């Protein structure tokens, strides 16, 4: 295998690692309140309007 093949394999593997990190970071149970806050804010009634 030449350099181009190894570069493609390394690049693909690094993209997979970054994608998995983003998924685990977003769905971390400690971030649940922060992630779901906009949903609850959107569903709240607008008082004062």
C-alpha atoms as a PDB file:
ATOM      1  CA  UNK A   1       0.000   0.000   0.000  1.00  0.00           C
ATOM      2  CA  UNK A   2       1.238   3.429  -0.857  1.00  0.00           C
ATOM      3  CA  UNK A   3       1.001   6.718   0.990  1.00  0.00           C
ATOM      4  CA  UNK A   4      -2.316   7.774  -0.561  1.00  0.00           C
ATOM      5  CA  UNK A   5      -4.081   4.651   0.683  1.00  0.00           C
ATOM      6  CA  UNK A   6      -2.751   5.139   4.216  1.00  0.00           C
ATOM      7  CA  UNK A   7      -3.735   8.811   4.120  1.00  0.00           C
ATOM      8  CA  UNK A   8      -7.319   7.917   3.155  1.00  0.00           C
ATOM      9  CA  UNK A   9      -7.503   5.251   5.863  1.00  0.00           C
ATOM     10  CA  UNK A  10      -6.115   7.619   8.509  1.00  0.00           C
ATOM     11  CA  UNK A  11      -8.416  10.440   7.439  1.00  0.00           C
ATOM     12  CA  UNK A  12     -11.488   8.172   7.487  1.00  0.00           C
ATOM     13  CA  UNK A  13     -10.562   6.771  10.880  1.00  0.00           C
ATOM     14  CA  UNK A  14     -10.041  10.268  12.298  1.00  0.00           C
ATOM     15  CA  UNK A  15     -13.458  11.379  11.004  1.00  0.00           C
ATOM     16  CA  UNK A  16     -15.083   8.367  12.654  1.00  0.00           C
ATOM     17  CA  UNK A  17     -13.339   9.165  15.943  1.00  0.00           C
ATOM     18  CA  UNK A  18     -14.475  12.794  15.806  1.00  0.00           C
ATOM     19  CA  UNK A  19     -18.047  11.747  14.979  1.00  0.00           C
ATOM     20  CA  UNK A  20     -18.145   9.266  17.881  1.00  0.00           C
ATOM     21  CA  UNK A  21     -16.733  11.922  20.242  1.00  0.00           C
ATOM     22  CA  UNK A  22     -19.445  14.395  19.184  1.00  0.00           C
ATOM     23  CA  UNK A  23     -22.182  11.792  19.696  1.00  0.00           C
ATOM     24  CA  UNK A  24     -20.919  10.817  23.155  1.00  0.00           C
ATOM     25  CA  UNK A  25     -20.444  14.444  24.144  1.00  0.00           C
ATOM     26  CA  UNK A  26     -23.947  15.449  23.076  1.00  0.00           C
ATOM     27  CA  UNK A  27     -25.752  12.475  24.618  1.00  0.00           C
ATOM     28  CA  UNK A  28     -23.817  12.570  27.891  1.00  0.00           C
ATOM     29  CA  UNK A  29     -26.298  12.224  30.791  1.00  0.00           C
ATOM     30  CA  UNK A  30     -24.668  15.158  32.618  1.00  0.00           C
ATOM     31  CA  UNK A  31     -25.652  17.473  29.738  1.00  0.00           C
ATOM     32  CA  UNK A  32     -29.311  16.411  29.639  1.00  0.00           C
ATOM     33  CA  UNK A  33     -30.656  19.626  31.229  1.00  0.00           C
ATOM     34  CA  UNK A  34     -28.556  21.809  28.961  1.00  0.00           C
ATOM     35  CA  UNK A  35     -29.577  19.904  25.823  1.00  0.00           C
ATOM     36  CA  UNK A  36     -33.288  19.828  26.634  1.00  0.00           C
ATOM     37  CA  UNK A  37     -33.592  23.403  27.941  1.00  0.00           C
ATOM     38  CA  UNK A  38     -34.394  24.953  24.524  1.00  0.00           C
ATOM     39  CA  UNK A  39     -37.172  22.407  23.994  1.00  0.00           C
ATOM     40  CA  UNK A  40     -38.829  23.315  27.268  1.00  0.00           C
ATOM     41  CA  UNK A  41     -38.300  27.022  26.693  1.00  0.00           C
ATOM     42  CA  UNK A  42     -40.029  26.746  23.316  1.00  0.00           C
ATOM     43  CA  UNK A  43     -43.025  24.984  24.845  1.00  0.00           C
ATOM     44  CA  UNK A  44     -43.458  27.499  27.687  1.00  0.00           C
ATOM     45  CA  UNK A  45     -46.273  29.966  27.303  1.00  0.00           C
ATOM     46  CA  UNK A  46     -45.269  33.505  26.541  1.00  0.00           C
ATOM     47  CA  UNK A  47     -46.438  35.471  29.542  1.00  0.00           C
ATOM     48  CA  UNK A  48     -46.679  39.201  29.268  1.00  0.00           C
ATOM     49  CA  UNK A  49     -47.497  39.317  25.583  1.00  0.00           C
END
